[in-house]
Protein backbone atom coordinates (compact mmCIF):
# COMPACT_ATOMS: atom_id res chain seq x y z
CA UNK A 1 120.70 136.30 103.39
CA UNK A 2 120.65 138.03 100.34
CA UNK A 3 119.04 141.09 99.73
CA UNK A 4 115.97 140.36 97.63
CA UNK A 5 114.50 143.40 97.49
CA UNK A 6 116.25 144.36 94.17
CA UNK A 7 116.15 141.03 92.90
CA UNK A 8 114.54 140.98 89.25
CA UNK A 9 112.69 137.50 89.07
CA UNK A 10 112.17 138.10 84.97
CA UNK A 11 115.69 136.25 83.95
CA UNK A 12 114.43 133.19 86.04
CA UNK A 13 110.67 133.51 84.87
CA UNK A 14 111.72 133.62 81.40
CA UNK A 15 114.11 130.48 81.60
CA UNK A 16 111.15 128.33 83.38
CA UNK A 17 108.76 129.76 80.08
CA UNK A 18 111.55 128.62 77.67
CA UNK A 19 112.06 125.04 79.53
CA UNK A 20 108.21 124.38 79.60
CA UNK A 21 107.81 125.39 75.86
CA UNK A 22 110.84 122.64 75.19
CA UNK A 23 108.68 119.60 76.89
CA UNK A 24 106.93 118.00 73.96
CA UNK A 25 103.35 116.41 74.87
CA UNK A 26 104.60 112.78 75.08
CA UNK A 27 106.95 114.02 78.53
CA UNK A 28 104.17 115.19 80.40
CA UNK A 29 103.61 111.53 82.32
CA UNK A 30 107.41 111.03 83.05
CA UNK A 31 108.40 111.02 86.21
CA UNK A 32 110.48 114.05 88.07
CA UNK A 33 113.03 114.77 90.66
CA UNK A 34 109.72 115.37 92.87
CA UNK A 35 108.45 112.42 93.96
CA UNK A 36 104.61 112.99 93.87
CA UNK A 37 104.88 114.99 90.33
CA UNK A 38 104.79 113.55 86.83
CA UNK A 39 106.09 116.52 84.14
CA UNK A 40 102.69 117.40 83.65
CA UNK A 41 101.82 118.26 87.64
CA UNK A 42 105.12 119.88 88.02
CA UNK A 43 104.23 122.29 85.12
CA UNK A 44 100.71 122.29 87.02
CA UNK A 45 102.18 123.29 90.12
CA UNK A 46 104.07 126.09 88.44
CA UNK A 47 101.18 127.74 86.96
CA UNK A 48 99.28 127.69 90.04
CA UNK A 49 102.10 129.02 92.25
CA UNK A 50 102.74 132.09 89.18
CA UNK A 51 99.05 132.84 89.91
CA UNK A 52 99.45 132.94 93.59
CA UNK A 53 102.71 134.82 94.02
CA UNK A 54 101.47 137.28 91.87
CA UNK A 55 98.69 137.91 93.31
CA UNK A 56 100.96 138.32 96.83
CA UNK A 57 102.91 140.56 95.30
CA UNK A 58 100.05 142.61 94.78
CA UNK A 59 98.55 142.13 97.96
CA UNK A 60 95.64 141.38 96.00
CA UNK A 61 94.48 138.49 98.44
CA UNK A 62 91.76 135.87 98.10
CA UNK A 63 91.30 132.50 96.94
CA UNK A 64 94.87 132.12 94.82
CA UNK A 65 96.85 133.41 97.77
CA UNK A 66 94.77 131.45 100.73
CA UNK A 67 94.71 127.72 99.26
CA UNK A 68 97.63 125.64 100.26
CA UNK A 69 99.85 124.03 97.60
CA UNK A 70 99.22 120.41 98.87
CA UNK A 71 95.25 121.22 99.14
CA UNK A 72 94.48 119.52 95.24
CA UNK A 73 96.51 117.94 92.74
CA UNK A 74 98.19 120.38 90.62
CA UNK A 75 96.01 120.57 87.51
CA UNK A 76 97.46 121.71 84.01
CA UNK A 77 95.06 123.87 82.46
CA UNK A 78 94.47 122.53 78.47
CA UNK A 79 95.84 126.39 77.14
CA UNK A 80 98.98 126.00 79.37
CA UNK A 81 101.58 126.45 76.68
CA UNK A 82 100.13 130.26 76.07
CA UNK A 83 98.97 130.58 79.81
CA UNK A 84 101.75 129.62 81.72
CA UNK A 85 104.43 132.02 80.17
CA UNK A 86 101.86 135.14 80.26
CA UNK A 87 101.36 134.55 83.92
CA UNK A 88 105.19 133.82 84.62
CA UNK A 89 105.87 136.97 82.98
CA UNK A 90 102.86 138.65 85.32
CA UNK A 91 104.69 137.18 88.20
CA UNK A 92 108.36 139.05 87.41
CA UNK A 93 106.38 141.77 86.32
CA UNK A 94 104.10 142.06 90.04
CA UNK A 95 107.56 141.44 91.61
CA UNK A 96 109.65 144.39 90.39
CA UNK A 97 107.11 147.35 92.43
CA UNK A 98 108.98 148.16 95.15
CA UNK A 99 106.05 147.69 97.26
CA UNK A 100 105.71 143.93 96.62
CA UNK A 101 108.81 143.64 98.75
CA UNK A 102 107.97 145.55 102.19
CA UNK A 103 104.69 144.76 104.56
CA UNK A 104 102.62 141.50 104.92
CA UNK A 105 101.11 139.65 102.27
CA UNK A 106 99.85 135.54 101.68
CA UNK A 107 100.77 132.94 99.85
CA UNK A 108 99.56 129.15 100.25
CA UNK A 109 97.79 130.22 102.93
CA UNK A 110 100.46 131.49 104.87
CA UNK A 111 101.22 135.20 105.98
CA UNK A 112 104.44 136.32 105.44
CA UNK A 113 106.56 139.63 104.86
CA UNK A 114 106.83 140.27 101.55
CA UNK A 115 110.37 139.81 101.46
CA UNK A 116 110.24 136.74 102.52
CA UNK A 117 107.70 135.74 99.90
CA UNK A 118 110.06 136.95 97.40
CA UNK A 119 112.64 134.75 98.29
CA UNK A 120 110.03 131.82 98.45
CA UNK A 121 109.08 132.20 94.89
CA UNK A 122 112.93 132.72 93.54
CA UNK A 123 113.54 129.53 95.24
CA UNK A 124 110.41 127.74 93.60
CA UNK A 125 111.46 129.26 90.18
CA UNK A 126 115.20 127.84 90.64
CA UNK A 127 114.26 124.66 91.88
CA UNK A 128 111.44 123.58 89.69
CA UNK A 129 113.01 124.71 87.28
CA UNK A 130 116.10 121.85 88.16
CA UNK A 131 113.11 119.76 88.30
CA UNK A 132 111.75 120.59 84.45
CA UNK A 133 115.17 120.59 83.02
CA UNK A 134 116.65 117.16 84.63
CA UNK A 135 113.15 115.17 84.02
CA UNK A 136 112.99 116.32 80.44
CA UNK A 137 116.87 116.53 79.35
CA UNK A 138 117.33 119.94 79.04
CA UNK A 139 120.31 122.27 79.50
CA UNK A 140 120.05 124.25 83.05
CA UNK A 141 121.58 127.43 84.09
CA UNK A 142 119.77 129.69 86.11
CA UNK A 143 120.06 133.02 86.96
CA UNK A 144 122.92 133.47 88.89
CA UNK A 145 120.91 136.32 91.10
CA UNK A 146 117.87 133.82 92.32
CA UNK A 147 120.28 131.03 92.49
CA UNK A 148 122.03 133.17 95.21
CA UNK A 149 118.81 134.09 96.80
CA UNK A 150 117.34 130.55 96.31
CA UNK A 151 120.62 129.38 98.06
CA UNK A 152 120.53 131.73 100.94
CA UNK A 153 116.80 131.10 101.11
CA UNK A 154 117.16 126.94 101.76
CA UNK A 155 120.27 127.27 104.17
CA UNK A 156 118.86 129.69 106.01
CA UNK A 157 115.58 127.19 106.42
CA UNK A 158 118.08 124.48 107.26
CA UNK A 159 120.05 126.13 110.01
CA UNK A 160 116.91 126.93 111.67
CA UNK A 161 115.83 123.14 111.84
CA UNK A 162 117.38 121.12 114.19
CA UNK A 163 116.21 118.14 112.84
CA UNK A 164 118.00 118.45 109.32
CA UNK A 165 114.31 117.96 107.58
CA UNK A 166 114.89 121.24 105.50
CA UNK A 167 111.57 122.69 104.27
CA UNK A 168 111.02 120.51 100.76
CA UNK A 169 112.18 117.16 102.65
CA UNK A 170 115.13 115.73 104.36
CA UNK A 171 118.46 117.65 103.44
CA UNK A 172 120.59 115.57 100.72
CA UNK A 173 124.41 116.21 101.93
CA UNK A 174 126.60 117.54 99.21
CA UNK A 175 129.81 118.77 98.97
CA UNK A 176 130.65 122.50 100.48
CA UNK A 177 133.23 122.88 97.73
CA UNK A 178 130.19 121.61 94.24
CA UNK A 179 128.74 123.82 92.32
CA UNK A 180 126.03 126.49 94.39
CA UNK A 181 123.21 124.71 92.13
CA UNK A 182 123.97 121.46 93.25
CA UNK A 183 124.02 122.42 97.10
CA UNK A 184 120.78 124.27 96.46
CA UNK A 185 119.14 121.38 94.94
CA UNK A 186 120.72 119.12 98.22
CA UNK A 187 119.16 121.79 100.60
CA UNK A 188 115.62 121.05 98.77
CA UNK A 189 115.48 117.42 99.87
CA UNK A 190 116.86 116.81 96.10
CA UNK A 191 119.38 114.34 94.98
CA UNK A 192 121.94 116.50 92.38
CA UNK A 193 122.60 113.46 90.73
CA UNK A 194 119.08 112.59 89.74
CA UNK A 195 118.25 111.24 86.38
CA UNK A 196 114.72 109.70 84.67
CA UNK A 197 117.17 106.73 84.53
CA UNK A 198 117.47 106.36 88.60
CA UNK A 199 113.69 107.38 89.41
CA UNK A 200 112.01 104.48 91.22
């Protein structure tokens, strides 16, 4: 797996914040590559995971780190346009502390090593950034280091799964010569060719 201990999540977090800022209110009900999430749900999920993984980095364990992500439908705060970029910035800052990457922490009610939690959040930011960009027709070039960390994390997870289910859904086969982002998206259980016009 890519060495995540020197990974700065700031560039990818800022990119996700810019994508969110580019979402007009009338697109909040649009579909996304996540079958269960509309755009507004996805933004709510990003808000929740940013808080949870910020606190996981700080080892500030409690309600935010103990709640499973599928325990309730994501809710989009009324002030999300101000709150989401703020908490994404706090997330990135928390993971700049080398202590975040060491020892054990908790996220989604699961105890896990700090470096694995950091890889998970890098993956969440990369893949959900793609979801958001694809659903809203925005250009998307993820941060190089975060993309490599996401792909390494997803590939390791897929290799450990004999059934090929992946951790977010069945792996979608993608040619080995395809761009790294497409390969990461496929490993996450998404079709790199997804477009709003193909959504059912």
